Each structure stands twice: as structure tokens, then as C-alpha cells.
Amino acid sequence: MKFGVLVSEGPYTHQASDSAYQFCVAALAKGHEIQRVFFYHDGVYNATRLTEPPQDDRHIVNRWSTLNAEHKVDLVVCVAAALRRGIKDEVLAPGFRISGLGQLVDSGIKADRLVTFGD
């Protein structure tokens, strides 16, 4: 099965990002495809390389970057939501790219299921 994933909450303020990441890992382990992960609203904070959690905490941004590096999962950040929050190309973590809302629509069309995490 091919999944599209929408994340609309920040990495450390809500469980949505952790749940979305764990969903992607589990789906890939079962042989499914993650067509795209689209970060929207406060979810765009998952894409900034400026995140520095304490050493004993999980580094959610790095987890997403690793998922991209190991499985070529397309990590797309909504341009309008990112710019509203001061996130530009130069602060993106590896593996993320900025694009328009059309990428979410495209994911909804091409994926068998679009799974949302967050409000």
C-alpha cells in the first residue's frame, strides 16, 4: 500500500510528529511505501536544522532526515506555513524541501491512503 502522511504539529509540543514518524517506520518495515510526508501549519518546525534538543532527548528532526536518507521518503514543507514561521531554505535540515500545497493534493491523489497526524 502507498501512504501519504500529513504532519501539522511541531516536534516537541505534541505527539503527532513522533506518531507520524513511528507510523512511517512501521509501514516501511512491513513493505509499504511512503509516497510523501507533508509538513503543514506548526508541523513545519519538524524541518529546521536549528533544533537542538538536550542530549538525553530524542532528536525528531534528525529522525526525519535519516528516514529520507535511508528510504528516500519525500519530506515536503509547506512554503506558506514555513515563511510565516521564519523557516527558509537555508535553515532546512537535510532531506527536507519547501514546496506548495499542491504537493499535499498530489499526495492525496497518488497515495492509496492519506494519514494525518495533528489537528
PDB file of N, CA and C in Angstrom:
ATOM      1  N   MET A   1       0.844  -1.177   0.000  1.00  0.00           N
ATOM      2  CA  MET A   1       0.000   0.000   0.000  1.00  0.00           C
ATOM      3  C   MET A   1       0.891   1.243   0.000  1.00  0.00           C
ATOM      4  N   LYS A   2       0.416   2.262  -0.643  1.00  0.00           N
ATOM      5  CA  LYS A   2       1.144   3.529  -0.729  1.00  0.00           C
ATOM      6  C   LYS A   2       0.456   4.556   0.169  1.00  0.00           C
ATOM      7  N   PHE A   3       1.239   5.129   1.108  1.00  0.00           N
ATOM      8  CA  PHE A   3       0.694   6.092   2.052  1.00  0.00           C
ATOM      9  C   PHE A   3       1.240   7.493   1.803  1.00  0.00           C
ATOM     10  N   GLY A   4       0.381   8.479   1.948  1.00  0.00           N
ATOM     11  CA  GLY A   4       0.778   9.869   2.082  1.00  0.00           C
ATOM     12  C   GLY A   4       0.569  10.226   3.537  1.00  0.00           C
ATOM     13  N   VAL A   5       1.435  11.063   4.088  1.00  0.00           N
ATOM     14  CA  VAL A   5       1.361  11.417   5.501  1.00  0.00           C
ATOM     15  C   VAL A   5       1.352  12.940   5.627  1.00  0.00           C
ATOM     16  N   LEU A   6       0.464  13.453   6.473  1.00  0.00           N
ATOM     17  CA  LEU A   6       0.375  14.881   6.762  1.00  0.00           C
ATOM     18  C   LEU A   6       0.683  15.090   8.233  1.00  0.00           C
ATOM     19  N   VAL A   7       1.657  15.953   8.526  1.00  0.00           N
ATOM     20  CA  VAL A   7       2.028  16.284   9.906  1.00  0.00           C
ATOM     21  C   VAL A   7       1.765  17.773  10.102  1.00  0.00           C
ATOM     22  N   SER A   8       0.897  18.113  11.068  1.00  0.00           N
ATOM     23  CA  SER A   8       0.544  19.524  11.243  1.00  0.00           C
ATOM     24  C   SER A   8       0.831  20.055  12.651  1.00  0.00           C
ATOM     25  N   GLU A   9       1.660  19.357  13.404  1.00  0.00           N
ATOM     26  CA  GLU A   9       2.052  19.815  14.742  1.00  0.00           C
ATOM     27  C   GLU A   9       3.568  19.824  14.857  1.00  0.00           C
ATOM     28  N   GLY A  10       4.079  20.682  15.727  1.00  0.00           N
ATOM     29  CA  GLY A  10       5.511  20.791  15.937  1.00  0.00           C
ATOM     30  C   GLY A  10       6.111  19.556  16.594  1.00  0.00           C
ATOM     31  N   PRO A  11       7.429  19.439  16.557  1.00  0.00           N
ATOM     32  CA  PRO A  11       8.084  18.214  17.014  1.00  0.00           C
ATOM     33  C   PRO A  11       8.097  17.990  18.519  1.00  0.00           C
ATOM     34  N   TYR A  12       8.033  19.013  19.321  1.00  0.00           N
ATOM     35  CA  TYR A  12       8.154  18.805  20.767  1.00  0.00           C
ATOM     36  C   TYR A  12       6.956  19.336  21.553  1.00  0.00           C
ATOM     37  N   THR A  13       5.916  19.777  20.868  1.00  0.00           N
ATOM     38  CA  THR A  13       4.753  20.320  21.555  1.00  0.00           C
ATOM     39  C   THR A  13       3.555  19.385  21.497  1.00  0.00           C
ATOM     40  N   HIS A  14       3.674  18.322  20.749  1.00  0.00           N
ATOM     41  CA  HIS A  14       2.542  17.443  20.502  1.00  0.00           C
ATOM     42  C   HIS A  14       3.084  16.067  20.117  1.00  0.00           C
ATOM     43  N   GLN A  15       2.320  15.033  20.324  1.00  0.00           N
ATOM     44  CA  GLN A  15       2.724  13.666  19.996  1.00  0.00           C
ATOM     45  C   GLN A  15       2.660  13.379  18.495  1.00  0.00           C
ATOM     46  N   ALA A  16       2.055  14.249  17.729  1.00  0.00           N
ATOM     47  CA  ALA A  16       1.793  13.985  16.314  1.00  0.00           C
ATOM     48  C   ALA A  16       3.044  13.640  15.514  1.00  0.00           C
ATOM     49  N   SER A  17       4.121  14.368  15.705  1.00  0.00           N
ATOM     50  CA  SER A  17       5.334  14.114  14.923  1.00  0.00           C
ATOM     51  C   SER A  17       5.943  12.754  15.257  1.00  0.00           C
ATOM     52  N   ASP A  18       6.015  12.444  16.548  1.00  0.00           N
ATOM     53  CA  ASP A  18       6.536  11.127  16.949  1.00  0.00           C
ATOM     54  C   ASP A  18       5.666  10.006  16.381  1.00  0.00           C
ATOM     55  N   SER A  19       4.368  10.171  16.468  1.00  0.00           N
ATOM     56  CA  SER A  19       3.445   9.147  15.961  1.00  0.00           C
ATOM     57  C   SER A  19       3.573   8.992  14.449  1.00  0.00           C
ATOM     58  N   ALA A  20       3.686  10.104  13.742  1.00  0.00           N
ATOM     59  CA  ALA A  20       3.837  10.049  12.287  1.00  0.00           C
ATOM     60  C   ALA A  20       5.130   9.339  11.910  1.00  0.00           C
ATOM     61  N   TYR A  21       6.205   9.683  12.598  1.00  0.00           N
ATOM     62  CA  TYR A  21       7.495   9.040  12.318  1.00  0.00           C
ATOM     63  C   TYR A  21       7.410   7.533  12.574  1.00  0.00           C
ATOM     64  N   GLN A  22       6.867   7.147  13.726  1.00  0.00           N
ATOM     65  CA  GLN A  22       6.752   5.718  14.057  1.00  0.00           C
ATOM     66  C   GLN A  22       5.840   4.997  13.059  1.00  0.00           C
ATOM     67  N   PHE A  23       4.798   5.657  12.609  1.00  0.00           N
ATOM     68  CA  PHE A  23       3.927   5.079  11.591  1.00  0.00           C
ATOM     69  C   PHE A  23       4.714   4.805  10.310  1.00  0.00           C
ATOM     70  N   CYS A  24       5.507   5.784   9.882  1.00  0.00           N
ATOM     71  CA  CYS A  24       6.297   5.626   8.657  1.00  0.00           C
ATOM     72  C   CYS A  24       7.288   4.470   8.778  1.00  0.00           C
ATOM     73  N   VAL A  25       7.981   4.408   9.899  1.00  0.00           N
ATOM     74  CA  VAL A  25       8.957   3.330  10.125  1.00  0.00           C
ATOM     75  C   VAL A  25       8.264   1.969  10.076  1.00  0.00           C
ATOM     76  N   ALA A  26       7.129   1.848  10.755  1.00  0.00           N
ATOM     77  CA  ALA A  26       6.396   0.584  10.792  1.00  0.00           C
ATOM     78  C   ALA A  26       5.862   0.205   9.408  1.00  0.00           C
ATOM     79  N   ALA A  27       5.333   1.175   8.689  1.00  0.00           N
ATOM     80  CA  ALA A  27       4.808   0.908   7.347  1.00  0.00           C
ATOM     81  C   ALA A  27       5.919   0.438   6.411  1.00  0.00           C
ATOM     82  N   LEU A  28       7.051   1.111   6.448  1.00  0.00           N
ATOM     83  CA  LEU A  28       8.183   0.707   5.603  1.00  0.00           C
ATOM     84  C   LEU A  28       8.678  -0.688   5.972  1.00  0.00           C
ATOM     85  N   ALA A  29       8.719  -0.995   7.259  1.00  0.00           N
ATOM     86  CA  ALA A  29       9.168  -2.313   7.714  1.00  0.00           C
ATOM     87  C   ALA A  29       8.245  -3.428   7.214  1.00  0.00           C
ATOM     88  N   LYS A  30       6.979  -3.099   7.009  1.00  0.00           N
ATOM     89  CA  LYS A  30       6.011  -4.086   6.508  1.00  0.00           C
ATOM     90  C   LYS A  30       5.954  -4.117   4.983  1.00  0.00           C
ATOM     91  N   GLY A  31       6.820  -3.351   4.322  1.00  0.00           N
ATOM     92  CA  GLY A  31       6.891  -3.378   2.868  1.00  0.00           C
ATOM     93  C   GLY A  31       6.002  -2.372   2.153  1.00  0.00           C
ATOM     94  N   HIS A  32       5.379  -1.478   2.899  1.00  0.00           N
ATOM     95  CA  HIS A  32       4.551  -0.446   2.284  1.00  0.00           C
ATOM     96  C   HIS A  32       5.443   0.705   1.807  1.00  0.00           C
ATOM     97  N   GLU A  33       4.867   1.594   1.042  1.00  0.00           N
ATOM     98  CA  GLU A  33       5.592   2.761   0.532  1.00  0.00           C
ATOM     99  C   GLU A  33       5.050   4.032   1.171  1.00  0.00           C
ATOM    100  N   ILE A  34       5.955   4.927   1.541  1.00  0.00           N
ATOM    101  CA  ILE A  34       5.554   6.253   1.999  1.00  0.00           C
ATOM    102  C   ILE A  34       5.782   7.181   0.811  1.00  0.00           C
ATOM    103  N   GLN A  35       4.704   7.593   0.192  1.00  0.00           N
ATOM    104  CA  GLN A  35       4.779   8.400  -1.026  1.00  0.00           C
ATOM    105  C   GLN A  35       5.337   9.786  -0.736  1.00  0.00           C
ATOM    106  N   ARG A  36       4.910  10.361   0.399  1.00  0.00           N
ATOM    107  CA  ARG A  36       5.375  11.697   0.769  1.00  0.00           C
ATOM    108  C   ARG A  36       4.938  11.984   2.199  1.00  0.00           C
ATOM    109  N   VAL A  37       5.762  12.749   2.915  1.00  0.00           N
ATOM    110  CA  VAL A  37       5.352  13.313   4.203  1.00  0.00           C
ATOM    111  C   VAL A  37       5.286  14.821   3.990  1.00  0.00           C
ATOM    112  N   PHE A  38       4.117  15.382   4.237  1.00  0.00           N
ATOM    113  CA  PHE A  38       3.903  16.813   4.031  1.00  0.00           C
ATOM    114  C   PHE A  38       3.758  17.479   5.395  1.00  0.00           C
ATOM    115  N   PHE A  39       4.566  18.494   5.647  1.00  0.00           N
ATOM    116  CA  PHE A  39       4.570  19.211   6.922  1.00  0.00           C
ATOM    117  C   PHE A  39       3.840  20.539   6.729  1.00  0.00           C
ATOM    118  N   TYR A  40       2.796  20.741   7.539  1.00  0.00           N
ATOM    119  CA  TYR A  40       1.887  21.876   7.363  1.00  0.00           C
ATOM    120  C   TYR A  40       1.646  22.539   8.717  1.00  0.00           C
ATOM    121  N   HIS A  41       1.215  23.770   8.731  1.00  0.00           N
ATOM    122  CA  HIS A  41       0.998  24.549   9.961  1.00  0.00           C
ATOM    123  C   HIS A  41       2.253  24.464  10.841  1.00  0.00           C
ATOM    124  N   ASP A  42       2.110  24.232  12.137  1.00  0.00           N
ATOM    125  CA  ASP A  42       3.286  24.149  13.012  1.00  0.00           C
ATOM    126  C   ASP A  42       4.143  22.914  12.731  1.00  0.00           C
ATOM    127  N   GLY A  43       3.650  22.018  11.916  1.00  0.00           N
ATOM    128  CA  GLY A  43       4.441  20.852  11.523  1.00  0.00           C
ATOM    129  C   GLY A  43       5.713  21.222  10.784  1.00  0.00           C
ATOM    130  N   VAL A  44       5.768  22.433  10.231  1.00  0.00           N
ATOM    131  CA  VAL A  44       6.974  22.853   9.506  1.00  0.00           C
ATOM    132  C   VAL A  44       8.186  22.950  10.441  1.00  0.00           C
ATOM    133  N   TYR A  45       7.950  23.072  11.756  1.00  0.00           N
ATOM    134  CA  TYR A  45       9.069  23.121  12.700  1.00  0.00           C
ATOM    135  C   TYR A  45       9.840  21.804  12.755  1.00  0.00           C
ATOM    136  N   ASN A  46       9.272  20.748  12.213  1.00  0.00           N
ATOM    137  CA  ASN A  46       9.981  19.470  12.133  1.00  0.00           C
ATOM    138  C   ASN A  46      11.143  19.523  11.151  1.00  0.00           C
ATOM    139  N   ALA A  47      11.195  20.556  10.338  1.00  0.00           N
ATOM    140  CA  ALA A  47      12.164  20.624   9.251  1.00  0.00           C
ATOM    141  C   ALA A  47      13.365  21.521   9.519  1.00  0.00           C
ATOM    142  N   THR A  48      13.416  22.198  10.637  1.00  0.00           N
ATOM    143  CA  THR A  48      14.504  23.153  10.849  1.00  0.00           C
ATOM    144  C   THR A  48      15.733  22.503  11.487  1.00  0.00           C
ATOM    145  N   ARG A  49      16.870  22.764  10.895  1.00  0.00           N
ATOM    146  CA  ARG A  49      18.129  22.230  11.432  1.00  0.00           C
ATOM    147  C   ARG A  49      18.579  22.999  12.677  1.00  0.00           C
ATOM    148  N   LEU A  50      17.864  24.055  13.033  1.00  0.00           N
ATOM    149  CA  LEU A  50      18.218  24.849  14.207  1.00  0.00           C
ATOM    150  C   LEU A  50      17.745  24.200  15.512  1.00  0.00           C
ATOM    151  N   THR A  51      17.008  23.108  15.407  1.00  0.00           N
ATOM    152  CA  THR A  51      16.523  22.393  16.589  1.00  0.00           C
ATOM    153  C   THR A  51      17.687  21.719  17.306  1.00  0.00           C
ATOM    154  N   GLU A  52      17.807  21.957  18.609  1.00  0.00           N
ATOM    155  CA  GLU A  52      18.854  21.325  19.415  1.00  0.00           C
ATOM    156  C   GLU A  52      18.267  20.827  20.731  1.00  0.00           C
ATOM    157  N   PRO A  53      17.700  19.614  20.721  1.00  0.00           N
ATOM    158  CA  PRO A  53      17.159  19.078  21.971  1.00  0.00           C
ATOM    159  C   PRO A  53      18.289  18.679  22.916  1.00  0.00           C
ATOM    160  N   PRO A  54      17.990  18.528  24.216  1.00  0.00           N
ATOM    161  CA  PRO A  54      19.015  18.062  25.151  1.00  0.00           C
ATOM    162  C   PRO A  54      19.571  16.709  24.707  1.00  0.00           C
ATOM    163  N   GLN A  55      20.801  16.396  25.117  1.00  0.00           N
ATOM    164  CA  GLN A  55      21.461  15.168  24.682  1.00  0.00           C
ATOM    165  C   GLN A  55      20.696  13.907  25.042  1.00  0.00           C
ATOM    166  N   ASP A  56      19.938  13.936  26.135  1.00  0.00           N
ATOM    167  CA  ASP A  56      19.222  12.734  26.550  1.00  0.00           C
ATOM    168  C   ASP A  56      17.807  12.654  25.966  1.00  0.00           C
ATOM    169  N   ASP A  57      17.468  13.550  25.055  1.00  0.00           N
ATOM    170  CA  ASP A  57      16.149  13.564  24.425  1.00  0.00           C
ATOM    171  C   ASP A  57      16.271  13.099  22.975  1.00  0.00           C
ATOM    172  N   ARG A  58      15.168  12.655  22.418  1.00  0.00           N
ATOM    173  CA  ARG A  58      15.166  12.241  21.015  1.00  0.00           C
ATOM    174  C   ARG A  58      15.306  13.472  20.125  1.00  0.00           C
ATOM    175  N   HIS A  59      15.948  13.293  18.974  1.00  0.00           N
ATOM    176  CA  HIS A  59      16.123  14.392  18.019  1.00  0.00           C
ATOM    177  C   HIS A  59      15.221  14.098  16.826  1.00  0.00           C
ATOM    178  N   ILE A  60      14.003  14.601  16.900  1.00  0.00           N
ATOM    179  CA  ILE A  60      12.987  14.265  15.911  1.00  0.00           C
ATOM    180  C   ILE A  60      13.385  14.720  14.509  1.00  0.00           C
ATOM    181  N   VAL A  61      13.963  15.899  14.386  1.00  0.00           N
ATOM    182  CA  VAL A  61      14.359  16.410  13.073  1.00  0.00           C
ATOM    183  C   VAL A  61      15.373  15.463  12.424  1.00  0.00           C
ATOM    184  N   ASN A  62      16.346  15.007  13.198  1.00  0.00           N
ATOM    185  CA  ASN A  62      17.337  14.059  12.666  1.00  0.00           C
ATOM    186  C   ASN A  62      16.692  12.740  12.268  1.00  0.00           C
ATOM    187  N   ARG A  63      15.673  12.327  13.013  1.00  0.00           N
ATOM    188  CA  ARG A  63      14.977  11.084  12.654  1.00  0.00           C
ATOM    189  C   ARG A  63      14.356  11.203  11.272  1.00  0.00           C
ATOM    190  N   TRP A  64      13.709  12.339  11.009  1.00  0.00           N
ATOM    191  CA  TRP A  64      13.111  12.544   9.687  1.00  0.00           C
ATOM    192  C   TRP A  64      14.183  12.573   8.604  1.00  0.00           C
ATOM    193  N   SER A  65      15.290  13.260   8.863  1.00  0.00           N
ATOM    194  CA  SER A  65      16.370  13.320   7.878  1.00  0.00           C
ATOM    195  C   SER A  65      16.927  11.934   7.574  1.00  0.00           C
ATOM    196  N   THR A  66      17.070  11.118   8.602  1.00  0.00           N
ATOM    197  CA  THR A  66      17.563   9.753   8.422  1.00  0.00           C
ATOM    198  C   THR A  66      16.571   8.925   7.612  1.00  0.00           C
ATOM    199  N   LEU A  67      15.288   9.108   7.859  1.00  0.00           N
ATOM    200  CA  LEU A  67      14.265   8.396   7.096  1.00  0.00           C
ATOM    201  C   LEU A  67      14.380   8.731   5.614  1.00  0.00           C
ATOM    202  N   ASN A  68      14.628   9.990   5.322  1.00  0.00           N
ATOM    203  CA  ASN A  68      14.830  10.408   3.936  1.00  0.00           C
ATOM    204  C   ASN A  68      16.086   9.769   3.353  1.00  0.00           C
ATOM    205  N   ALA A  69      17.171   9.794   4.098  1.00  0.00           N
ATOM    206  CA  ALA A  69      18.441   9.265   3.594  1.00  0.00           C
ATOM    207  C   ALA A  69      18.375   7.754   3.361  1.00  0.00           C
ATOM    208  N   GLU A  70      17.716   7.042   4.249  1.00  0.00           N
ATOM    209  CA  GLU A  70      17.701   5.584   4.163  1.00  0.00           C
ATOM    210  C   GLU A  70      16.614   5.034   3.244  1.00  0.00           C
ATOM    211  N   HIS A  71      15.494   5.744   3.131  1.00  0.00           N
ATOM    212  CA  HIS A  71      14.352   5.213   2.368  1.00  0.00           C
ATOM    213  C   HIS A  71      13.884   6.134   1.250  1.00  0.00           C
ATOM    214  N   LYS A  72      14.568   7.258   1.054  1.00  0.00           N
ATOM    215  CA  LYS A  72      14.210   8.215   0.004  1.00  0.00           C
ATOM    216  C   LYS A  72      12.773   8.718   0.131  1.00  0.00           C
ATOM    217  N   VAL A  73      12.303   8.858   1.371  1.00  0.00           N
ATOM    218  CA  VAL A  73      10.963   9.399   1.615  1.00  0.00           C
ATOM    219  C   VAL A  73      10.990  10.894   1.320  1.00  0.00           C
ATOM    220  N   ASP A  74      10.052  11.345   0.527  1.00  0.00           N
ATOM    221  CA  ASP A  74       9.947  12.751   0.148  1.00  0.00           C
ATOM    222  C   ASP A  74       9.393  13.551   1.329  1.00  0.00           C
ATOM    223  N   LEU A  75      10.197  14.467   1.862  1.00  0.00           N
ATOM    224  CA  LEU A  75       9.803  15.294   3.006  1.00  0.00           C
ATOM    225  C   LEU A  75       9.549  16.713   2.511  1.00  0.00           C
ATOM    226  N   VAL A  76       8.302  17.104   2.444  1.00  0.00           N
ATOM    227  CA  VAL A  76       7.918  18.394   1.858  1.00  0.00           C
ATOM    228  C   VAL A  76       7.355  19.319   2.931  1.00  0.00           C
ATOM    229  N   VAL A  77       7.854  20.547   2.934  1.00  0.00           N
ATOM    230  CA  VAL A  77       7.439  21.574   3.880  1.00  0.00           C
ATOM    231  C   VAL A  77       6.609  22.606   3.125  1.00  0.00           C
ATOM    232  N   CYS A  78       5.435  22.917   3.640  1.00  0.00           N
ATOM    233  CA  CYS A  78       4.559  23.905   3.001  1.00  0.00           C
ATOM    234  C   CYS A  78       5.233  25.283   2.999  1.00  0.00           C
ATOM    235  N   VAL A  79       5.362  25.879   1.846  1.00  0.00           N
ATOM    236  CA  VAL A  79       6.063  27.149   1.710  1.00  0.00           C
ATOM    237  C   VAL A  79       5.379  28.264   2.494  1.00  0.00           C
ATOM    238  N   ALA A  80       4.063  28.367   2.407  1.00  0.00           N
ATOM    239  CA  ALA A  80       3.355  29.457   3.096  1.00  0.00           C
ATOM    240  C   ALA A  80       3.469  29.311   4.613  1.00  0.00           C
ATOM    241  N   ALA A  81       3.272  28.108   5.124  1.00  0.00           N
ATOM    242  CA  ALA A  81       3.375  27.871   6.567  1.00  0.00           C
ATOM    243  C   ALA A  81       4.807  28.103   7.043  1.00  0.00           C
ATOM    244  N   ALA A  82       5.778  27.704   6.235  1.00  0.00           N
ATOM    245  CA  ALA A  82       7.185  27.871   6.614  1.00  0.00           C
ATOM    246  C   ALA A  82       7.567  29.347   6.677  1.00  0.00           C
ATOM    247  N   LEU A  83       7.218  30.108   5.661  1.00  0.00           N
ATOM    248  CA  LEU A  83       7.580  31.526   5.633  1.00  0.00           C
ATOM    249  C   LEU A  83       6.913  32.302   6.764  1.00  0.00           C
ATOM    250  N   ARG A  84       5.680  31.936   7.105  1.00  0.00           N
ATOM    251  CA  ARG A  84       5.003  32.590   8.230  1.00  0.00           C
ATOM    252  C   ARG A  84       5.757  32.378   9.543  1.00  0.00           C
ATOM    253  N   ARG A  85       6.504  31.282   9.610  1.00  0.00           N
ATOM    254  CA  ARG A  85       7.211  30.927  10.840  1.00  0.00           C
ATOM    255  C   ARG A  85       8.719  31.163  10.744  1.00  0.00           C
ATOM    256  N   GLY A  86       9.136  31.864   9.707  1.00  0.00           N
ATOM    257  CA  GLY A  86      10.547  32.219   9.561  1.00  0.00           C
ATOM    258  C   GLY A  86      11.446  31.096   9.089  1.00  0.00           C
ATOM    259  N   ILE A  87      10.876  30.075   8.491  1.00  0.00           N
ATOM    260  CA  ILE A  87      11.672  28.941   8.008  1.00  0.00           C
ATOM    261  C   ILE A  87      11.876  29.089   6.512  1.00  0.00           C
ATOM    262  N   LYS A  88      13.140  29.184   6.126  1.00  0.00           N
ATOM    263  CA  LYS A  88      13.513  29.324   4.722  1.00  0.00           C
ATOM    264  C   LYS A  88      14.455  28.184   4.352  1.00  0.00           C
ATOM    265  N   ASP A  89      14.784  28.094   3.075  1.00  0.00           N
ATOM    266  CA  ASP A  89      15.651  27.013   2.588  1.00  0.00           C
ATOM    267  C   ASP A  89      16.943  26.876   3.385  1.00  0.00           C
ATOM    268  N   GLU A  90      17.527  28.007   3.774  1.00  0.00           N
ATOM    269  CA  GLU A  90      18.840  27.957   4.428  1.00  0.00           C
ATOM    270  C   GLU A  90      18.813  27.352   5.831  1.00  0.00           C
ATOM    271  N   VAL A  91      17.642  27.191   6.421  1.00  0.00           N
ATOM    272  CA  VAL A  91      17.574  26.572   7.751  1.00  0.00           C
ATOM    273  C   VAL A  91      16.967  25.165   7.725  1.00  0.00           C
ATOM    274  N   LEU A  92      16.708  24.646   6.525  1.00  0.00           N
ATOM    275  CA  LEU A  92      16.141  23.307   6.430  1.00  0.00           C
ATOM    276  C   LEU A  92      17.174  22.246   6.781  1.00  0.00           C
ATOM    277  N   ALA A  93      16.741  21.235   7.497  1.00  0.00           N
ATOM    278  CA  ALA A  93      17.581  20.078   7.795  1.00  0.00           C
ATOM    279  C   ALA A  93      17.743  19.260   6.514  1.00  0.00           C
ATOM    280  N   PRO A  94      18.763  18.421   6.449  1.00  0.00           N
ATOM    281  CA  PRO A  94      18.969  17.585   5.263  1.00  0.00           C
ATOM    282  C   PRO A  94      17.745  16.715   4.962  1.00  0.00           C
ATOM    283  N   GLY A  95      17.414  16.624   3.683  1.00  0.00           N
ATOM    284  CA  GLY A  95      16.323  15.767   3.239  1.00  0.00           C
ATOM    285  C   GLY A  95      14.984  16.456   3.081  1.00  0.00           C
ATOM    286  N   PHE A  96      14.850  17.643   3.635  1.00  0.00           N
ATOM    287  CA  PHE A  96      13.596  18.388   3.519  1.00  0.00           C
ATOM    288  C   PHE A  96      13.659  19.332   2.320  1.00  0.00           C
ATOM    289  N   ARG A  97      12.488  19.620   1.760  1.00  0.00           N
ATOM    290  CA  ARG A  97      12.407  20.619   0.698  1.00  0.00           C
ATOM    291  C   ARG A  97      11.128  21.418   0.878  1.00  0.00           C
ATOM    292  N   ILE A  98      11.155  22.656   0.433  1.00  0.00           N
ATOM    293  CA  ILE A  98       9.991  23.530   0.524  1.00  0.00           C
ATOM    294  C   ILE A  98       9.251  23.496  -0.810  1.00  0.00           C
ATOM    295  N   SER A  99       7.933  23.386  -0.727  1.00  0.00           N
ATOM    296  CA  SER A  99       7.108  23.402  -1.928  1.00  0.00           C
ATOM    297  C   SER A  99       5.706  23.858  -1.550  1.00  0.00           C
ATOM    298  N   GLY A 100       4.829  23.887  -2.515  1.00  0.00           N
ATOM    299  CA  GLY A 100       3.489  24.400  -2.298  1.00  0.00           C
ATOM    300  C   GLY A 100       2.491  23.360  -1.843  1.00  0.00           C
ATOM    301  N   LEU A 101       1.310  23.833  -1.520  1.00  0.00           N
ATOM    302  CA  LEU A 101       0.224  22.995  -1.037  1.00  0.00           C
ATOM    303  C   LEU A 101      -0.223  21.972  -2.088  1.00  0.00           C
ATOM    304  N   GLY A 102       0.096  22.247  -3.333  1.00  0.00           N
ATOM    305  CA  GLY A 102      -0.222  21.299  -4.403  1.00  0.00           C
ATOM    306  C   GLY A 102       0.413  19.939  -4.181  1.00  0.00           C
ATOM    307  N   GLN A 103       1.544  19.917  -3.457  1.00  0.00           N
ATOM    308  CA  GLN A 103       2.204  18.639  -3.161  1.00  0.00           C
ATOM    309  C   GLN A 103       1.351  17.778  -2.231  1.00  0.00           C
ATOM    310  N   LEU A 104       0.595  18.417  -1.350  1.00  0.00           N
ATOM    311  CA  LEU A 104      -0.316  17.668  -0.482  1.00  0.00           C
ATOM    312  C   LEU A 104      -1.471  17.101  -1.308  1.00  0.00           C
ATOM    313  N   VAL A 105      -2.010  17.899  -2.200  1.00  0.00           N
ATOM    314  CA  VAL A 105      -3.086  17.442  -3.078  1.00  0.00           C
ATOM    315  C   VAL A 105      -2.594  16.280  -3.934  1.00  0.00           C
ATOM    316  N   ASP A 106      -1.409  16.421  -4.490  1.00  0.00           N
ATOM    317  CA  ASP A 106      -0.803  15.368  -5.302  1.00  0.00           C
ATOM    318  C   ASP A 106      -0.660  14.073  -4.504  1.00  0.00           C
ATOM    319  N   SER A 107      -0.232  14.202  -3.268  1.00  0.00           N
ATOM    320  CA  SER A 107      -0.075  13.036  -2.411  1.00  0.00           C
ATOM    321  C   SER A 107      -1.422  12.363  -2.158  1.00  0.00           C
ATOM    322  N   GLY A 108      -2.443  13.163  -1.931  1.00  0.00           N
ATOM    323  CA  GLY A 108      -3.778  12.620  -1.723  1.00  0.00           C
ATOM    324  C   GLY A 108      -4.308  11.874  -2.934  1.00  0.00           C
ATOM    325  N   ILE A 109      -3.907  12.310  -4.110  1.00  0.00           N
ATOM    326  CA  ILE A 109      -4.345  11.663  -5.351  1.00  0.00           C
ATOM    327  C   ILE A 109      -3.552  10.380  -5.606  1.00  0.00           C
ATOM    328  N   LYS A 110      -2.229  10.440  -5.432  1.00  0.00           N
ATOM    329  CA  LYS A 110      -1.365   9.309  -5.798  1.00  0.00           C
ATOM    330  C   LYS A 110      -1.279   8.212  -4.742  1.00  0.00           C
ATOM    331  N   ALA A 111      -1.496   8.552  -3.492  1.00  0.00           N
ATOM    332  CA  ALA A 111      -1.405   7.552  -2.429  1.00  0.00           C
ATOM    333  C   ALA A 111      -2.727   6.794  -2.304  1.00  0.00           C
ATOM    334  N   ASP A 112      -2.628   5.565  -1.793  1.00  0.00           N
ATOM    335  CA  ASP A 112      -3.844   4.793  -1.520  1.00  0.00           C
ATOM    336  C   ASP A 112      -4.584   5.367  -0.316  1.00  0.00           C
ATOM    337  N   ARG A 113      -3.817   5.870   0.654  1.00  0.00           N
ATOM    338  CA  ARG A 113      -4.381   6.452   1.864  1.00  0.00           C
ATOM    339  C   ARG A 113      -3.560   7.678   2.258  1.00  0.00           C
ATOM    340  N   LEU A 114      -4.242   8.717   2.732  1.00  0.00           N
ATOM    341  CA  LEU A 114      -3.574   9.887   3.290  1.00  0.00           C
ATOM    342  C   LEU A 114      -3.860   9.888   4.787  1.00  0.00           C
ATOM    343  N   VAL A 115      -2.810   9.739   5.591  1.00  0.00           N
ATOM    344  CA  VAL A 115      -2.952   9.626   7.043  1.00  0.00           C
ATOM    345  C   VAL A 115      -2.494  10.942   7.650  1.00  0.00           C
ATOM    346  N   THR A 116      -3.314  11.522   8.530  1.00  0.00           N
ATOM    347  CA  THR A 116      -2.990  12.810   9.135  1.00  0.00           C
ATOM    348  C   THR A 116      -2.635  12.649  10.610  1.00  0.00           C
ATOM    349  N   PHE A 117      -1.666  13.453  11.046  1.00  0.00           N
ATOM    350  CA  PHE A 117      -1.212  13.471  12.434  1.00  0.00           C
ATOM    351  C   PHE A 117      -1.227  14.919  12.908  1.00  0.00           C
ATOM    352  N   GLY A 118      -2.033  15.213  13.919  1.00  0.00           N
ATOM    353  CA  GLY A 118      -2.185  16.570  14.429  1.00  0.00           C
ATOM    354  C   GLY A 118      -3.545  17.115  14.069  1.00  0.00           C
ATOM    355  N   ASP A 119      -3.803  18.320  14.561  1.00  0.00           N
ATOM    356  CA  ASP A 119      -5.108  18.942  14.326  1.00  0.00           C
ATOM    357  C   ASP A 119      -5.259  19.445  12.923  1.00  0.00           C
TER     358      ASP A 119
END
